[in-house]
Amino acid sequence: MRSVRKCSRAGCQNSAVATLTYAYADSTAVVGPLATSCEPHSYDLCAEHAGRLTVPKGWEVVRYEGEFGQQDPSNDDLTALAEAVREAGSPSRPIEQPEPESGSGRRGHLRVLPTPTD
């Protein structure tokens, strides 16, 4: 099931179609196509809010010139995802064996290593 990301603007329930990122050092706001995943310092915007974004005096807005819209995953994306899942479940990956438990019934996080002899 595909989750739909919502616009980050307060009170807006529209689906997000663009991502807003700030470049503070350059006093620039960048509005581009919706990022593939949520990022902590970016904001998802609907088409309405992406189109009418304003910035403080002295700042610049860089906007994506294409159409914003929901993009379905391409066949390449789906193939890459299927291959990643297949690889993660393949038996060729080494399976980590649990360490044997000590006689006390408690498994500690420290081990005694033998002293190397010369």
Protein backbone atom coordinates (compact mmCIF):
# COMPACT_ATOMS: atom_id res chain seq x y z
CA MET A 1 0.00 0.00 0.00
CA ARG A 2 1.42 3.37 -1.00
CA SER A 3 1.26 6.10 1.61
CA VAL A 4 0.24 9.57 0.48
CA ARG A 5 2.26 12.42 1.92
CA LYS A 6 0.30 15.52 2.85
CA CYS A 7 1.21 19.18 2.48
CA SER A 8 3.27 20.47 5.42
CA ARG A 9 1.34 23.76 5.63
CA ALA A 10 -0.85 23.97 8.72
CA GLY A 11 -4.47 23.08 8.02
CA CYS A 12 -3.83 21.88 4.45
CA GLN A 13 -4.95 18.32 3.74
CA ASN A 14 -3.94 18.26 0.06
CA SER A 15 -1.47 15.68 -1.26
CA ALA A 16 2.13 16.84 -1.51
CA VAL A 17 3.58 17.21 -5.01
CA ALA A 18 6.70 19.31 -4.32
CA THR A 19 9.50 19.58 -1.76
CA LEU A 20 10.72 22.86 -0.28
CA THR A 21 14.32 23.08 0.93
CA TYR A 22 16.14 26.11 2.31
CA ALA A 23 19.77 26.97 1.55
CA TYR A 24 20.33 29.38 4.43
CA ALA A 25 23.92 30.27 3.47
CA ASP A 26 22.67 31.47 0.06
CA SER A 27 19.39 32.97 1.31
CA THR A 28 17.57 30.73 -1.16
CA ALA A 29 14.42 28.61 -1.03
CA VAL A 30 14.32 25.74 -3.54
CA VAL A 31 10.98 24.27 -4.63
CA GLY A 32 11.42 21.08 -6.64
CA PRO A 33 9.68 17.81 -7.41
CA LEU A 34 8.53 15.72 -4.45
CA ALA A 35 11.51 14.02 -2.83
CA THR A 36 11.46 10.24 -2.79
CA SER A 37 11.45 10.20 1.01
CA CYS A 38 10.74 12.63 3.84
CA GLU A 39 13.81 14.58 4.91
CA PRO A 40 14.11 16.24 8.31
CA HIS A 41 14.92 19.75 7.02
CA SER A 42 12.58 19.90 4.05
CA TYR A 43 8.86 20.46 3.66
CA ASP A 44 6.35 18.75 1.40
CA LEU A 45 3.95 21.14 -0.36
CA CYS A 46 0.78 20.75 -2.42
CA ALA A 47 0.62 22.32 -5.89
CA GLU A 48 -1.17 25.43 -4.58
CA HIS A 49 1.34 26.20 -1.84
CA ALA A 50 4.34 25.33 -4.03
CA GLY A 51 3.14 27.77 -6.68
CA ARG A 52 2.53 30.74 -4.43
CA LEU A 53 5.43 30.44 -1.97
CA THR A 54 6.94 33.76 -0.96
CA VAL A 55 10.22 34.39 0.85
CA PRO A 56 11.59 37.20 3.02
CA LYS A 57 13.05 40.32 1.41
CA GLY A 58 16.56 39.63 0.16
CA TRP A 59 15.89 35.93 -0.37
CA GLU A 60 15.56 34.15 -3.71
CA VAL A 61 13.20 31.37 -4.82
CA VAL A 62 14.42 28.73 -7.23
CA ARG A 63 11.48 26.80 -8.70
CA TYR A 64 11.27 23.67 -10.77
CA GLU A 65 9.90 24.70 -14.17
CA GLY A 66 8.07 21.46 -14.97
CA GLU A 67 4.63 20.33 -13.84
CA PHE A 68 4.24 19.13 -10.29
CA GLY A 69 2.20 15.99 -9.94
CA GLN A 70 2.02 12.63 -8.29
CA GLN A 71 4.50 10.31 -9.94
CA ASP A 72 3.91 6.60 -9.93
CA PRO A 73 6.99 4.45 -9.46
CA SER A 74 8.59 3.52 -12.78
CA ASN A 75 9.33 -0.04 -13.82
CA ASP A 76 12.99 0.62 -13.00
CA ASP A 77 12.06 1.63 -9.45
CA LEU A 78 9.89 -1.44 -8.99
CA THR A 79 12.57 -3.74 -10.42
CA ALA A 80 15.24 -2.26 -8.14
CA LEU A 81 12.95 -2.69 -5.13
CA ALA A 82 12.18 -6.31 -6.04
CA GLU A 83 15.89 -7.09 -6.47
CA ALA A 84 16.74 -5.51 -3.10
CA VAL A 85 14.06 -7.58 -1.35
CA ARG A 86 15.21 -10.73 -3.16
CA GLU A 87 18.84 -10.09 -2.15
CA ALA A 88 17.92 -9.44 1.48
CA GLY A 89 16.10 -12.78 1.66
CA SER A 90 18.65 -14.86 -0.26
CA PRO A 91 20.17 -17.84 1.57
CA SER A 92 23.67 -16.88 0.34
CA ARG A 93 23.85 -14.23 3.04
CA PRO A 94 25.63 -15.44 6.17
CA ILE A 95 23.31 -16.11 9.07
CA GLU A 96 24.64 -14.95 12.40
CA GLN A 97 24.51 -17.67 15.02
CA PRO A 98 23.72 -16.62 18.59
CA GLU A 99 26.45 -17.06 21.16
CA PRO A 100 25.96 -19.98 23.53
CA GLU A 101 24.52 -18.99 26.87
CA SER A 102 26.57 -19.35 30.04
CA GLY A 103 25.52 -21.76 32.75
CA SER A 104 24.02 -18.93 34.82
CA GLY A 105 21.14 -18.49 32.39
CA ARG A 106 22.22 -14.91 31.77
CA ARG A 107 23.95 -13.90 28.61
CA GLY A 108 26.52 -11.21 29.28
CA HIS A 109 27.95 -8.68 26.90
CA LEU A 110 31.55 -9.27 27.99
CA ARG A 111 33.75 -12.21 27.05
CA VAL A 112 37.06 -13.41 28.43
CA LEU A 113 39.72 -13.68 25.73
CA PRO A 114 42.80 -15.85 26.18
CA THR A 115 46.10 -14.02 26.59
CA PRO A 116 48.26 -14.48 23.46
CA THR A 117 51.50 -16.34 24.09
CA ASP A 118 54.68 -15.55 22.18
